[in-house]
Amino acid sequence: MKTKSCKAKGRRLQQFIAGEISKLLDIPCGKDTDIESRESSQSGEDVVLHGRAKELFKWSVECKNTETVNFWKSIEQAKSNQKEGTDWILVCKRNREDPVVTIDAKVFFDMLKRLKT
């Protein structure tokens, strides 16, 4: 696969996740809004949040759209791009499959505890 195609594939996943966050928060997404997909080859989290979106969505998102994922390296990258006051989230997708989300187990069980109370 050509580099250009790989980047486009990754960008589509980032834009999809940004769109889902937008629907969840009822905040517009796109260029120069509070929810943006990061441009390719820029460092940092893959979905950039500003303003109200940043207040409401306490996650730093790392996206991987590839057939094979170096799982632990991807988690390290998600952690290294994690913004202060957020938890990391890793979204992985491969061809003809739905995206899956990975989060820290402690965070997951803390979320379940909060739902229970």
N, C-alpha and C. Protein backbone atom coordinates (compact mmCIF):
# COMPACT_ATOMS: atom_id res chain seq x y z
N MET A 1 0.85 -1.18 0.00
CA MET A 1 0.00 0.00 0.00
C MET A 1 0.89 1.24 0.00
N LYS A 2 0.52 2.23 -0.80
CA LYS A 2 1.31 3.45 -0.89
C LYS A 2 1.15 4.29 0.38
N THR A 3 2.17 5.06 0.69
CA THR A 3 2.17 5.91 1.88
C THR A 3 0.96 6.84 1.89
N LYS A 4 0.65 7.41 0.75
CA LYS A 4 -0.49 8.33 0.64
C LYS A 4 -1.80 7.62 1.02
N SER A 5 -1.96 6.39 0.55
CA SER A 5 -3.17 5.61 0.86
C SER A 5 -3.23 5.26 2.34
N CYS A 6 -2.09 4.91 2.92
CA CYS A 6 -2.04 4.58 4.35
C CYS A 6 -2.44 5.79 5.20
N LYS A 7 -1.93 6.96 4.83
CA LYS A 7 -2.26 8.17 5.58
C LYS A 7 -3.74 8.51 5.45
N ALA A 8 -4.28 8.31 4.25
CA ALA A 8 -5.71 8.59 4.03
C ALA A 8 -6.57 7.64 4.86
N LYS A 9 -6.15 6.40 4.94
CA LYS A 9 -6.87 5.40 5.73
C LYS A 9 -6.87 5.79 7.22
N GLY A 10 -5.71 6.21 7.72
CA GLY A 10 -5.62 6.66 9.11
C GLY A 10 -6.45 7.91 9.36
N ARG A 11 -6.43 8.83 8.40
CA ARG A 11 -7.20 10.06 8.53
C ARG A 11 -8.70 9.78 8.59
N ARG A 12 -9.16 8.79 7.80
CA ARG A 12 -10.59 8.44 7.81
C ARG A 12 -11.01 7.93 9.20
N LEU A 13 -10.17 7.12 9.83
CA LEU A 13 -10.50 6.64 11.18
C LEU A 13 -10.53 7.80 12.16
N GLN A 14 -9.55 8.67 12.09
CA GLN A 14 -9.53 9.84 12.99
C GLN A 14 -10.78 10.69 12.79
N GLN A 15 -11.16 10.91 11.55
CA GLN A 15 -12.35 11.73 11.27
C GLN A 15 -13.62 11.03 11.75
N PHE A 16 -13.67 9.70 11.62
CA PHE A 16 -14.81 8.94 12.13
C PHE A 16 -14.91 9.10 13.64
N ILE A 17 -13.81 8.95 14.36
CA ILE A 17 -13.81 9.07 15.82
C ILE A 17 -14.17 10.49 16.22
N ALA A 18 -13.62 11.48 15.54
CA ALA A 18 -13.96 12.88 15.82
C ALA A 18 -15.47 13.09 15.63
N GLY A 19 -16.03 12.51 14.57
CA GLY A 19 -17.47 12.62 14.31
C GLY A 19 -18.31 11.97 15.39
N GLU A 20 -17.87 10.81 15.88
CA GLU A 20 -18.60 10.14 16.96
C GLU A 20 -18.56 10.95 18.24
N ILE A 21 -17.41 11.54 18.56
CA ILE A 21 -17.30 12.40 19.74
C ILE A 21 -18.21 13.61 19.56
N SER A 22 -18.23 14.16 18.35
CA SER A 22 -19.09 15.30 18.04
C SER A 22 -20.56 14.99 18.28
N LYS A 23 -21.00 13.81 17.81
CA LYS A 23 -22.40 13.40 18.03
C LYS A 23 -22.69 13.20 19.51
N LEU A 24 -21.76 12.58 20.20
CA LEU A 24 -21.92 12.31 21.63
C LEU A 24 -22.08 13.61 22.42
N LEU A 25 -21.26 14.59 22.11
CA LEU A 25 -21.25 15.85 22.86
C LEU A 25 -22.16 16.91 22.26
N ASP A 26 -22.68 16.67 21.06
CA ASP A 26 -23.47 17.66 20.33
C ASP A 26 -22.68 18.95 20.14
N ILE A 27 -21.41 18.77 19.72
CA ILE A 27 -20.50 19.87 19.42
C ILE A 27 -19.95 19.63 18.02
N PRO A 28 -19.97 20.64 17.15
CA PRO A 28 -19.50 20.44 15.77
C PRO A 28 -18.03 20.01 15.73
N CYS A 29 -17.69 19.24 14.69
CA CYS A 29 -16.29 18.88 14.48
C CYS A 29 -15.87 19.30 13.09
N GLY A 30 -14.58 19.49 12.92
CA GLY A 30 -14.02 19.89 11.63
C GLY A 30 -12.94 20.92 11.85
N LYS A 31 -12.39 21.40 10.77
CA LYS A 31 -11.31 22.38 10.85
C LYS A 31 -11.78 23.64 11.58
N ASP A 32 -10.95 24.11 12.50
CA ASP A 32 -11.21 25.33 13.28
C ASP A 32 -12.45 25.23 14.16
N THR A 33 -12.75 24.02 14.66
CA THR A 33 -13.84 23.84 15.62
C THR A 33 -13.26 23.25 16.90
N ASP A 34 -14.11 22.94 17.87
CA ASP A 34 -13.65 22.40 19.14
C ASP A 34 -13.23 20.93 19.06
N ILE A 35 -13.58 20.25 17.97
CA ILE A 35 -13.19 18.86 17.77
C ILE A 35 -12.59 18.73 16.37
N GLU A 36 -11.29 18.39 16.31
CA GLU A 36 -10.60 18.30 15.02
C GLU A 36 -9.80 17.01 14.93
N SER A 37 -9.71 16.48 13.74
CA SER A 37 -8.81 15.37 13.46
C SER A 37 -7.43 15.99 13.21
N ARG A 38 -6.40 15.46 13.88
CA ARG A 38 -5.04 16.01 13.70
C ARG A 38 -4.55 15.75 12.28
N GLU A 39 -3.87 16.73 11.72
CA GLU A 39 -3.27 16.58 10.40
C GLU A 39 -2.22 15.47 10.45
N SER A 40 -2.05 14.75 9.33
CA SER A 40 -1.06 13.67 9.33
C SER A 40 0.34 14.22 9.52
N SER A 41 1.15 13.37 10.11
CA SER A 41 2.56 13.60 10.41
C SER A 41 2.79 14.65 11.50
N GLN A 42 1.75 15.11 12.17
CA GLN A 42 1.93 15.97 13.33
C GLN A 42 1.92 15.11 14.58
N SER A 43 2.75 15.47 15.54
CA SER A 43 2.80 14.68 16.77
C SER A 43 1.67 15.08 17.70
N GLY A 44 1.35 14.19 18.63
CA GLY A 44 0.30 14.47 19.61
C GLY A 44 -0.90 13.58 19.39
N GLU A 45 -1.92 13.85 20.18
CA GLU A 45 -3.13 13.03 20.11
C GLU A 45 -3.78 13.18 18.73
N ASP A 46 -4.47 12.14 18.29
CA ASP A 46 -5.02 12.11 16.93
C ASP A 46 -6.32 12.90 16.77
N VAL A 47 -7.05 13.07 17.86
CA VAL A 47 -8.25 13.90 17.84
C VAL A 47 -8.00 15.04 18.82
N VAL A 48 -7.97 16.25 18.30
CA VAL A 48 -7.64 17.43 19.10
C VAL A 48 -8.93 18.06 19.60
N LEU A 49 -8.99 18.29 20.91
CA LEU A 49 -10.18 18.87 21.52
C LEU A 49 -9.85 20.24 22.09
N HIS A 50 -10.78 21.16 21.93
CA HIS A 50 -10.62 22.52 22.46
C HIS A 50 -11.90 22.89 23.22
N GLY A 51 -11.81 23.92 24.02
CA GLY A 51 -12.98 24.51 24.66
C GLY A 51 -13.86 23.51 25.39
N ARG A 52 -15.15 23.59 25.10
CA ARG A 52 -16.16 22.76 25.77
C ARG A 52 -15.91 21.27 25.55
N ALA A 53 -15.49 20.89 24.36
CA ALA A 53 -15.23 19.48 24.07
C ALA A 53 -14.15 18.94 25.00
N LYS A 54 -13.12 19.73 25.23
CA LYS A 54 -12.01 19.32 26.12
C LYS A 54 -12.50 19.15 27.56
N GLU A 55 -13.44 19.99 27.97
CA GLU A 55 -14.01 19.90 29.32
C GLU A 55 -14.86 18.64 29.49
N LEU A 56 -15.60 18.27 28.45
CA LEU A 56 -16.56 17.18 28.55
C LEU A 56 -15.98 15.80 28.22
N PHE A 57 -15.00 15.74 27.34
CA PHE A 57 -14.43 14.47 26.89
C PHE A 57 -13.02 14.36 27.44
N LYS A 58 -12.86 13.61 28.52
CA LYS A 58 -11.59 13.54 29.25
C LYS A 58 -10.72 12.38 28.77
N TRP A 59 -10.55 12.27 27.46
CA TRP A 59 -9.75 11.21 26.86
C TRP A 59 -8.77 11.80 25.86
N SER A 60 -7.58 11.22 25.79
CA SER A 60 -6.62 11.52 24.73
C SER A 60 -6.66 10.33 23.77
N VAL A 61 -6.97 10.58 22.51
CA VAL A 61 -7.26 9.52 21.55
C VAL A 61 -6.06 9.24 20.64
N GLU A 62 -5.70 7.97 20.53
CA GLU A 62 -4.70 7.49 19.57
C GLU A 62 -5.42 6.52 18.63
N CYS A 63 -5.29 6.72 17.32
CA CYS A 63 -5.96 5.88 16.33
C CYS A 63 -4.94 5.10 15.51
N LYS A 64 -5.27 3.83 15.24
CA LYS A 64 -4.44 2.97 14.39
C LYS A 64 -5.37 2.26 13.41
N ASN A 65 -5.21 2.54 12.12
CA ASN A 65 -6.00 1.89 11.09
C ASN A 65 -5.04 1.07 10.22
N THR A 66 -4.81 -0.17 10.61
CA THR A 66 -3.83 -1.01 9.95
C THR A 66 -4.19 -2.48 10.14
N GLU A 67 -3.67 -3.32 9.28
CA GLU A 67 -3.96 -4.75 9.39
C GLU A 67 -3.28 -5.40 10.59
N THR A 68 -2.10 -4.96 10.91
CA THR A 68 -1.39 -5.49 12.08
C THR A 68 -0.98 -4.34 12.98
N VAL A 69 -1.26 -4.49 14.26
CA VAL A 69 -0.96 -3.45 15.23
C VAL A 69 0.08 -3.97 16.20
N ASN A 70 1.13 -3.19 16.41
CA ASN A 70 2.05 -3.48 17.50
C ASN A 70 1.36 -2.94 18.75
N PHE A 71 0.60 -3.81 19.40
CA PHE A 71 -0.31 -3.43 20.47
C PHE A 71 0.38 -2.63 21.58
N TRP A 72 1.47 -3.17 22.11
CA TRP A 72 2.13 -2.52 23.25
C TRP A 72 2.79 -1.22 22.86
N LYS A 73 3.35 -1.16 21.66
CA LYS A 73 3.96 0.08 21.17
C LYS A 73 2.87 1.14 20.96
N SER A 74 1.71 0.72 20.49
CA SER A 74 0.60 1.66 20.28
C SER A 74 0.10 2.21 21.61
N ILE A 75 0.05 1.36 22.63
CA ILE A 75 -0.35 1.83 23.96
C ILE A 75 0.69 2.81 24.51
N GLU A 76 1.96 2.51 24.31
CA GLU A 76 3.01 3.44 24.74
C GLU A 76 2.84 4.79 24.06
N GLN A 77 2.52 4.76 22.76
CA GLN A 77 2.32 6.01 22.03
C GLN A 77 1.10 6.77 22.58
N ALA A 78 0.02 6.05 22.85
CA ALA A 78 -1.17 6.69 23.41
C ALA A 78 -0.85 7.35 24.75
N LYS A 79 -0.08 6.65 25.58
CA LYS A 79 0.31 7.19 26.88
C LYS A 79 1.22 8.41 26.73
N SER A 80 2.14 8.35 25.78
CA SER A 80 3.08 9.47 25.61
C SER A 80 2.38 10.72 25.06
N ASN A 81 1.28 10.54 24.33
CA ASN A 81 0.52 11.68 23.80
C ASN A 81 -0.60 12.13 24.73
N GLN A 82 -0.75 11.44 25.86
CA GLN A 82 -1.84 11.72 26.80
C GLN A 82 -1.69 13.11 27.40
N LYS A 83 -2.75 13.89 27.34
CA LYS A 83 -2.77 15.22 27.93
C LYS A 83 -3.06 15.12 29.42
N GLU A 84 -2.55 16.07 30.18
CA GLU A 84 -2.78 16.10 31.62
C GLU A 84 -4.28 16.21 31.90
N GLY A 85 -4.75 15.43 32.88
CA GLY A 85 -6.16 15.47 33.26
C GLY A 85 -7.04 14.57 32.40
N THR A 86 -6.42 13.75 31.53
CA THR A 86 -7.20 12.84 30.69
C THR A 86 -6.70 11.41 30.89
N ASP A 87 -7.46 10.47 30.39
CA ASP A 87 -7.03 9.08 30.29
C ASP A 87 -6.78 8.80 28.81
N TRP A 88 -5.90 7.85 28.53
CA TRP A 88 -5.62 7.50 27.13
C TRP A 88 -6.65 6.50 26.64
N ILE A 89 -6.85 6.55 25.34
CA ILE A 89 -7.74 5.60 24.67
C ILE A 89 -7.09 5.25 23.33
N LEU A 90 -7.06 3.97 23.01
CA LEU A 90 -6.50 3.49 21.75
C LEU A 90 -7.63 2.92 20.91
N VAL A 91 -7.79 3.44 19.70
CA VAL A 91 -8.81 2.96 18.76
C VAL A 91 -8.09 2.27 17.61
N CYS A 92 -8.39 0.99 17.42
CA CYS A 92 -7.75 0.21 16.34
C CYS A 92 -8.81 -0.29 15.36
N LYS A 93 -8.44 -0.28 14.10
CA LYS A 93 -9.34 -0.77 13.06
C LYS A 93 -8.51 -1.43 11.97
N ARG A 94 -9.08 -2.46 11.37
CA ARG A 94 -8.48 -3.04 10.18
C ARG A 94 -9.56 -3.19 9.12
N ASN A 95 -9.15 -3.49 7.91
CA ASN A 95 -10.09 -3.57 6.78
C ASN A 95 -11.26 -4.50 7.09
N ARG A 96 -12.44 -4.04 6.71
CA ARG A 96 -13.68 -4.82 6.82
C ARG A 96 -14.03 -5.22 8.26
N GLU A 97 -13.50 -4.51 9.23
CA GLU A 97 -13.81 -4.76 10.64
C GLU A 97 -14.21 -3.45 11.30
N ASP A 98 -15.04 -3.55 12.34
CA ASP A 98 -15.39 -2.36 13.10
C ASP A 98 -14.24 -1.96 14.00
N PRO A 99 -14.13 -0.66 14.32
CA PRO A 99 -13.08 -0.23 15.23
C PRO A 99 -13.29 -0.82 16.63
N VAL A 100 -12.20 -1.03 17.35
CA VAL A 100 -12.26 -1.48 18.73
C VAL A 100 -11.49 -0.47 19.59
N VAL A 101 -11.88 -0.38 20.85
CA VAL A 101 -11.29 0.58 21.77
C VAL A 101 -10.59 -0.16 22.90
N THR A 102 -9.40 0.31 23.25
CA THR A 102 -8.66 -0.22 24.38
C THR A 102 -8.44 0.91 25.37
N ILE A 103 -8.71 0.62 26.64
CA ILE A 103 -8.41 1.57 27.71
C ILE A 103 -7.76 0.81 28.85
N ASP A 104 -7.19 1.53 29.78
CA ASP A 104 -6.59 0.93 30.96
C ASP A 104 -7.65 0.21 31.78
N ALA A 105 -7.34 -1.00 32.27
CA ALA A 105 -8.32 -1.80 33.03
C ALA A 105 -8.80 -1.07 34.28
N LYS A 106 -7.91 -0.40 34.98
CA LYS A 106 -8.30 0.32 36.19
C LYS A 106 -9.34 1.40 35.86
N VAL A 107 -9.10 2.11 34.78
CA VAL A 107 -10.04 3.15 34.34
C VAL A 107 -11.38 2.52 33.98
N PHE A 108 -11.36 1.39 33.28
CA PHE A 108 -12.58 0.70 32.90
C PHE A 108 -13.40 0.32 34.13
N PHE A 109 -12.76 -0.29 35.13
CA PHE A 109 -13.50 -0.72 36.32
C PHE A 109 -13.95 0.47 37.16
N ASP A 110 -13.17 1.54 37.18
CA ASP A 110 -13.62 2.75 37.87
C ASP A 110 -14.88 3.31 37.21
N MET A 111 -14.95 3.25 35.87
CA MET A 111 -16.15 3.71 35.15
C MET A 111 -17.34 2.86 35.53
N LEU A 112 -17.15 1.54 35.60
CA LEU A 112 -18.25 0.64 35.97
C LEU A 112 -18.72 0.89 37.40
N LYS A 113 -17.79 1.17 38.29
CA LYS A 113 -18.16 1.48 39.69
C LYS A 113 -19.03 2.72 39.74
N ARG A 114 -18.66 3.75 38.96
CA ARG A 114 -19.44 4.99 38.95
C ARG A 114 -20.83 4.78 38.40
N LEU A 115 -20.97 3.87 37.44
CA LEU A 115 -22.29 3.55 36.89
C LEU A 115 -23.17 2.86 37.91
N LYS A 116 -22.55 2.06 38.76
CA LYS A 116 -23.26 1.28 39.75
C LYS A 116 -23.85 2.16 40.86
N THR A 117 -23.18 3.26 41.16
CA THR A 117 -23.64 4.13 42.25
C THR A 117 -24.56 5.22 41.79
